[in-house]
Structures are given as C-alpha cells and as structure tokens.
Amino acid sequence: MIRPRRSLLFMPGSNARALEKARNLPADGIILDLEDSVAPEAKALARDQIAQAIATRGFGKREILIRVNNLDTPWWIDDVAMAGKARPDGILVPKVSSVEEIHAIADRLDEIGADPSIRVWTMIETARAVLHAEELAATSRDPRTRLAGFVFGPNDISRETRIRMLPGRAAMLPLITQCILATRAYGLEILDGPYSDFSNFDGFGQECAQARDLGFDGKTLIHPGQIEACNAIFTPPAEEVARARKIIAAFERPENASRGAIQLDGQMVERLHAEMAARTIAIADAIASMGH
C-alpha cells in the first residue's frame, strides 16, 4: 500500500516537549533530529530521548524517521547504533554525496544487525550529490542499501553553489528536476526540503503547490503551523479522485477490457491514464486511513 508522505516535520531530539507534542500533530511523518537542530553538547541527550520516545510508542500511523549526523562527524556511528536498536521506520542521512557513503551506512546497519524493515533516506544537499543523483539512486538495486528515497535540501545547496533562494526557485529548477528524474528512474520517493520563512503563509503555500506540480511526494517542514496547509495542497482534490474512479470504472467494463484507449466525457483516455488514476485513488485512500 502507498504511504502518504505529504508532510514530514523535523523535531529536535534534544527537546523532550517537542517529542511529546509530535505524537498528536497531523503530520504524515515525524523526523526526530540529531543533526542541525541539536547542539554538539546535546547530541548524547538527544539520542537517549529519541530512543525513549520511540520505545514509548504512541505515534499512531505516522512514519518515524531519525535524522542522524553526517558521515564526516564523530557522532554518526553512535546515532546509527541507537537507531538500529530503536527501530524507526527509517533513518535520514544528511549530506550524502557518494555511492561509497551509502554503502558505509549499509555496512554499519549490517554490523549491528539492524532490522531489515529500517529504510534509508539520503539528503541531497551538495553539488556533487546533484551531479551524481542517478548513481546514488541506482544503489537501490542492491537491497542491502535499504534506500527508499531522497530529501532535497535547498538551503545547503544554495550555500555551496551560491544559487540564490528566491521565490519561485527558478534558478534551482534544473537541480530539482535532475533529482526527481533520478528517483523516478529507480522507483524511489523524493521529498522537498523545508521552507524557512514559516511566518510567510502565502510563500509557503506557493512553494508547496510548486513542489506538488514538480512531482515531489511531499515536503519536509520545520514548524507545526505548516502542516495543515501542506497536507491540503498534497491531498488529491475530491473532483480529481472522482474522475480517477470514473476512469477505472470505464476500463473495467467488459466492452473495454481489450481496448488501449476509450472515449470518456468527450475526451480520449488511454491505459496510462488508468494507471495514473489508480495511483490517485491509492493515495486518497491511504490519506483517508491516516485519520487526520
């Protein structure tokens, strides 16, 4: 079954109150963070608090990821060891730029005997990662890597490349498209990075709509106030779902069983439209089952 990933909210692992609050927020997923939002002296505390939060459960159907520190830091080995024991749905690894790093994560998970259900997500945050997006995605052919998808990180890419983060992100679109194509070529998921100006609701809504139209599966968020709008924008509209059901029903009629294309409401509809309709229905049903 398709899993909705409209909204994944970052929550600092060092903030016990935030971890508790995360259990009742209407996000599709929670990213329990050990990286940017946690000071170096608080890393060990954050690790313990995240492990305890997951052990206590109570997150419902929300997907739980742990963002570990990147492989250039002294913390990532302990982070992955904790995650392996805690058994979240996945771990999110920042600043992955090479195939070797993906294999290093896989090796570490194997060494600690991590449950095979734990998936790996990598953040595309460097020029090198964008240039090698297809190679990185191709590692998913090896089940050992556990690779589920990418999270595009525009802020770090902007810092490294000097591409300015302007409304509409026109200058960054080639990089975004490259990463989306790489994930789709290998059947992976991809999430858009966060929108930093959380008090600018219009700008946020426009960026969510752009992300949806570009083909992102959802968006990572930095503030609970962004969840509701994000969910609404990434939820297929009722009329789109109704149209999808109509297309499926038309192709299921006995007289259309062998046809590659049919006429429906004055339009030509092909089998590929039926495939797209089936996905729309699956997403809508999965969202309904989340209960928020």
Protein backbone atom coordinates (compact mmCIF):
# COMPACT_ATOMS: atom_id res chain seq x y z
CA MET A 1 0.00 0.00 0.00
CA ILE A 2 1.18 3.52 -0.81
CA ARG A 3 2.19 5.52 2.23
CA PRO A 4 1.22 9.21 2.35
CA ARG A 5 4.23 11.48 2.78
CA ARG A 6 2.60 14.87 2.31
CA SER A 7 4.18 16.38 5.43
CA LEU A 8 7.24 15.25 7.41
CA LEU A 9 8.03 17.54 10.34
CA PHE A 10 11.52 17.94 11.80
CA MET A 11 11.52 17.80 15.62
CA PRO A 12 14.72 18.38 17.67
CA GLY A 13 15.66 15.27 19.62
CA SER A 14 17.06 17.40 22.45
CA ASN A 15 13.64 18.95 23.14
CA ALA A 16 11.59 16.50 25.22
CA ARG A 17 8.47 18.66 25.00
CA ALA A 18 8.63 18.73 21.21
CA LEU A 19 8.98 14.94 21.07
CA GLU A 20 5.87 14.57 23.22
CA LYS A 21 3.94 17.10 21.14
CA ALA A 22 4.83 15.23 17.93
CA ARG A 23 2.54 12.34 18.91
CA ASN A 24 -0.57 14.44 18.33
CA LEU A 25 0.35 16.54 15.30
CA PRO A 26 -1.44 15.82 11.99
CA ALA A 27 1.80 15.32 10.03
CA ASP A 28 2.15 12.15 7.96
CA GLY A 29 5.61 11.67 9.41
CA ILE A 30 7.98 12.94 12.08
CA ILE A 31 11.74 13.33 11.60
CA LEU A 32 13.38 13.08 15.01
CA ASP A 33 16.50 15.15 14.54
CA LEU A 34 20.03 14.60 15.83
CA GLU A 35 21.71 16.93 13.34
CA ASP A 36 21.21 20.66 12.67
CA SER A 37 18.73 21.42 15.47
CA VAL A 38 20.87 19.76 18.17
CA ALA A 39 23.97 21.41 19.68
CA PRO A 40 27.13 19.27 19.90
CA GLU A 41 26.94 19.06 23.70
CA ALA A 42 23.31 17.86 23.48
CA LYS A 43 23.84 15.03 20.96
CA ALA A 44 24.02 12.24 23.57
CA LEU A 45 20.94 13.53 25.41
CA ALA A 46 19.03 13.78 22.11
CA ARG A 47 20.00 10.20 21.27
CA ASP A 48 18.65 8.94 24.60
CA GLN A 49 15.44 10.96 24.36
CA ILE A 50 14.70 9.78 20.82
CA ALA A 51 15.29 6.15 21.78
CA GLN A 52 12.93 6.56 24.74
CA ALA A 53 10.28 8.36 22.65
CA ILE A 54 10.20 5.56 20.07
CA ALA A 55 10.17 2.86 22.76
CA THR A 56 7.16 4.54 24.39
CA ARG A 57 5.34 4.45 21.03
CA GLY A 58 2.12 6.45 20.63
CA PHE A 59 2.92 7.97 17.22
CA GLY A 60 -0.01 6.19 15.58
CA LYS A 61 0.30 5.70 11.83
CA ARG A 62 2.86 8.49 11.45
CA GLU A 63 6.08 7.47 9.74
CA ILE A 64 9.04 7.91 12.08
CA LEU A 65 12.49 8.76 10.73
CA ILE A 66 15.62 9.59 12.69
CA ARG A 67 17.97 12.10 11.08
CA VAL A 68 21.48 11.08 12.08
CA ASN A 69 24.58 13.23 11.77
CA ASN A 70 26.54 13.10 8.53
CA LEU A 71 29.41 10.70 7.95
CA ASP A 72 32.07 13.40 8.38
CA THR A 73 31.15 13.82 12.07
CA PRO A 74 32.20 11.82 15.13
CA TRP A 75 28.55 11.18 16.06
CA TRP A 76 27.07 9.22 13.16
CA ILE A 77 28.25 5.74 14.28
CA ASP A 78 26.54 6.10 17.69
CA ASP A 79 23.48 7.64 16.01
CA VAL A 80 23.07 4.66 13.69
CA ALA A 81 23.66 2.21 16.55
CA MET A 82 20.86 3.83 18.54
CA ALA A 83 18.56 3.90 15.50
CA GLY A 84 19.22 0.22 14.85
CA LYS A 85 18.01 -0.66 18.34
CA ALA A 86 15.12 1.84 18.37
CA ARG A 87 13.72 0.53 15.06
CA PRO A 88 12.15 3.62 13.49
CA ASP A 89 10.66 3.32 10.02
CA GLY A 90 13.84 4.77 8.61
CA ILE A 91 16.96 6.84 9.08
CA LEU A 92 17.66 10.05 7.19
CA VAL A 93 21.33 10.67 6.41
CA PRO A 94 22.36 14.25 5.58
CA LYS A 95 24.94 15.43 3.02
CA VAL A 96 25.34 12.10 1.24
CA SER A 97 27.32 12.76 -1.94
CA SER A 98 28.81 9.39 -2.95
CA VAL A 99 27.90 5.76 -3.51
CA GLU A 100 30.65 4.86 -1.01
CA GLU A 101 28.78 6.72 1.75
CA ILE A 102 25.56 4.81 1.01
CA HIS A 103 27.48 1.54 1.25
CA ALA A 104 29.15 2.68 4.50
CA ILE A 105 25.68 3.21 6.03
CA ALA A 106 24.57 -0.22 4.78
CA ASP A 107 27.68 -1.85 6.24
CA ARG A 108 27.09 -0.24 9.62
CA LEU A 109 23.44 -1.33 9.71
CA ASP A 110 24.52 -4.88 8.82
CA GLU A 111 27.20 -4.89 11.52
CA ILE A 112 24.71 -4.01 14.25
CA GLY A 113 22.10 -6.45 12.93
CA ALA A 114 19.55 -3.70 12.29
CA ASP A 115 16.05 -4.91 11.45
CA PRO A 116 15.60 -5.21 7.66
CA SER A 117 12.44 -3.06 7.89
CA ILE A 118 14.52 0.07 8.68
CA ARG A 119 14.81 2.05 5.45
CA VAL A 120 17.46 4.61 4.48
CA TRP A 121 16.74 8.09 3.13
CA THR A 122 19.53 10.39 1.97
CA MET A 123 19.58 14.16 1.82
CA ILE A 124 20.72 15.73 -1.45
CA GLU A 125 22.49 18.83 -0.16
CA THR A 126 25.67 19.21 -2.22
CA ALA A 127 26.58 19.97 -5.82
CA ARG A 128 28.24 16.57 -6.05
CA ALA A 129 25.08 14.81 -4.86
CA VAL A 130 23.00 16.52 -7.55
CA LEU A 131 25.56 15.69 -10.25
CA HIS A 132 25.58 12.04 -9.17
CA ALA A 133 21.87 11.73 -8.30
CA GLU A 134 21.32 8.87 -10.75
CA GLU A 135 24.31 6.89 -9.41
CA LEU A 136 23.05 7.37 -5.86
CA ALA A 137 19.53 6.27 -6.80
CA ALA A 138 20.89 3.24 -8.68
CA THR A 139 22.33 1.85 -5.43
CA SER A 140 18.72 0.97 -4.50
CA ARG A 141 19.04 -2.02 -6.87
CA ASP A 142 21.12 -3.59 -4.09
CA PRO A 143 18.62 -4.43 -1.30
CA ARG A 144 21.44 -4.12 1.25
CA THR A 145 21.39 -0.34 0.87
CA ARG A 146 17.73 -0.17 2.04
CA LEU A 147 17.44 3.05 0.01
CA ALA A 148 13.86 4.41 -0.02
CA GLY A 149 14.39 7.87 -1.43
CA PHE A 150 15.87 11.36 -1.29
CA VAL A 151 15.12 14.55 0.59
CA PHE A 152 16.14 17.58 -1.48
CA GLY A 153 18.00 20.13 0.69
CA PRO A 154 17.81 23.55 -1.00
CA ASN A 155 19.39 25.60 1.78
CA ASP A 156 22.70 23.71 1.86
CA ILE A 157 22.77 23.54 -1.93
CA SER A 158 22.25 27.31 -2.04
CA ARG A 159 25.11 27.83 0.41
CA GLU A 160 27.50 25.63 -1.57
CA THR A 161 26.56 26.66 -5.12
CA ARG A 162 25.69 30.33 -4.47
CA ILE A 163 22.38 29.83 -6.26
CA ARG A 164 20.07 32.32 -4.57
CA MET A 165 16.92 31.11 -2.86
CA LEU A 166 14.36 33.40 -4.48
CA PRO A 167 10.56 33.00 -4.67
CA GLY A 168 9.70 30.53 -7.41
CA ARG A 169 13.16 28.88 -7.20
CA ALA A 170 13.64 29.35 -10.98
CA ALA A 171 17.43 29.08 -10.77
CA MET A 172 17.21 25.84 -8.80
CA LEU A 173 14.66 24.06 -11.00
CA PRO A 174 17.25 22.20 -13.13
CA LEU A 175 18.79 20.72 -9.96
CA ILE A 176 15.39 19.76 -8.56
CA THR A 177 14.30 18.13 -11.82
CA GLN A 178 17.55 16.16 -12.06
CA CYS A 179 16.92 14.65 -8.61
CA ILE A 180 13.26 13.89 -9.29
CA LEU A 181 14.14 12.11 -12.56
CA ALA A 182 16.80 10.05 -10.76
CA THR A 183 14.35 8.85 -8.11
CA ARG A 184 11.59 8.01 -10.58
CA ALA A 185 14.01 6.09 -12.82
CA TYR A 186 14.60 3.72 -9.88
CA GLY A 187 11.14 3.70 -8.30
CA LEU A 188 12.14 5.80 -5.28
CA GLU A 189 10.35 8.58 -3.38
CA ILE A 190 11.50 12.18 -3.08
CA LEU A 191 10.54 14.91 -0.60
CA ASP A 192 11.08 18.64 -0.95
CA GLY A 193 13.17 20.49 1.58
CA PRO A 194 11.83 22.91 4.19
CA TYR A 195 10.57 26.44 3.67
CA SER A 196 12.39 28.54 6.26
CA ASP A 197 10.18 31.64 6.49
CA PHE A 198 7.42 29.89 8.47
CA SER A 199 5.51 33.15 9.09
CA ASN A 200 5.06 33.69 5.32
CA PHE A 201 1.98 31.53 4.68
CA ASP A 202 1.43 32.72 1.10
CA GLY A 203 5.01 31.98 0.10
CA PHE A 204 4.86 28.59 1.79
CA GLY A 205 1.62 27.67 0.02
CA GLN A 206 3.07 28.66 -3.34
CA GLU A 207 6.19 26.57 -2.76
CA CYS A 208 4.10 23.54 -1.68
CA ALA A 209 1.99 23.83 -4.85
CA GLN A 210 5.15 24.12 -6.94
CA ALA A 211 6.65 21.06 -5.21
CA ARG A 212 3.49 19.05 -5.86
CA ASP A 213 3.43 20.06 -9.52
CA LEU A 214 7.12 19.25 -9.96
CA GLY A 215 6.40 15.71 -8.75
CA PHE A 216 7.63 15.70 -5.15
CA ASP A 217 5.77 13.22 -2.91
CA GLY A 218 5.59 15.72 -0.07
CA LYS A 219 7.54 18.32 1.85
CA THR A 220 9.70 18.39 4.96
CA LEU A 221 8.63 21.05 7.47
CA ILE A 222 10.24 22.99 10.30
CA HIS A 223 7.15 24.30 12.08
CA PRO A 224 3.88 22.64 13.16
CA GLY A 225 1.97 25.64 11.75
CA GLN A 226 2.91 24.48 8.25
CA ILE A 227 1.32 21.02 8.48
CA GLU A 228 -2.31 21.79 7.70
CA ALA A 229 -1.63 23.78 4.52
CA CYS A 230 0.93 21.27 3.32
CA ASN A 231 -1.46 18.35 3.80
CA ALA A 232 -4.23 20.18 1.96
CA ILE A 233 -2.04 21.00 -1.03
CA PHE A 234 -0.63 17.48 -1.38
CA THR A 235 -4.05 15.81 -0.98
CA PRO A 236 -5.69 14.99 -4.34
CA PRO A 237 -8.83 17.17 -4.72
CA ALA A 238 -12.17 15.35 -4.40
CA GLU A 239 -13.03 16.04 -8.06
CA GLU A 240 -9.69 14.53 -9.16
CA VAL A 241 -10.38 11.39 -7.13
CA ALA A 242 -13.94 11.15 -8.52
CA ARG A 243 -12.58 11.48 -12.06
CA ALA A 244 -9.98 8.77 -11.32
CA ARG A 245 -12.69 6.39 -10.09
CA LYS A 246 -14.72 7.09 -13.23
CA ILE A 247 -11.73 6.25 -15.46
CA ILE A 248 -11.08 2.96 -13.63
CA ALA A 249 -14.76 2.01 -13.79
CA ALA A 250 -14.87 2.74 -17.54
CA PHE A 251 -11.89 0.47 -18.27
CA GLU A 252 -13.40 -2.29 -16.10
CA ARG A 253 -16.49 -2.54 -18.34
CA PRO A 254 -16.45 -5.80 -20.35
CA GLU A 255 -16.63 -3.98 -23.69
CA ASN A 256 -13.43 -2.03 -22.85
CA ALA A 257 -11.39 -4.95 -21.50
CA SER A 258 -9.17 -5.24 -24.58
CA ARG A 259 -9.05 -1.58 -25.52
CA GLY A 260 -5.97 0.59 -25.12
CA ALA A 261 -7.94 3.81 -25.40
CA ILE A 262 -11.59 4.80 -24.88
CA GLN A 263 -13.73 7.91 -25.09
CA LEU A 264 -14.97 9.31 -21.79
CA ASP A 265 -16.92 12.56 -21.43
CA GLY A 266 -15.75 13.75 -24.82
CA GLN A 267 -12.06 13.03 -24.13
CA MET A 268 -9.70 10.28 -25.26
CA VAL A 269 -8.49 8.29 -22.27
CA GLU A 270 -5.64 5.78 -22.51
CA ARG A 271 -4.45 2.92 -20.31
CA LEU A 272 -1.69 5.16 -18.93
CA HIS A 273 -4.44 7.45 -17.60
CA ALA A 274 -5.94 4.43 -15.83
CA GLU A 275 -2.56 3.75 -14.19
CA MET A 276 -2.35 7.37 -13.05
CA ALA A 277 -5.95 7.18 -11.82
CA ALA A 278 -5.18 4.03 -9.80
CA ARG A 279 -2.32 5.83 -8.05
CA THR A 280 -4.52 8.86 -7.28
CA ILE A 281 -7.13 6.57 -5.71
CA ALA A 282 -4.49 4.67 -3.73
CA ILE A 283 -3.05 7.91 -2.35
CA ALA A 284 -6.51 9.25 -1.46
CA ASP A 285 -7.42 6.01 0.30
CA ALA A 286 -4.12 5.95 2.19
CA ILE A 287 -4.62 9.56 3.31
CA ALA A 288 -8.16 8.73 4.50
CA SER A 289 -6.80 5.82 6.52
CA MET A 290 -4.39 8.16 8.38
CA GLY A 291 -7.37 9.64 10.21
CA HIS A 292 -6.08 13.21 10.27
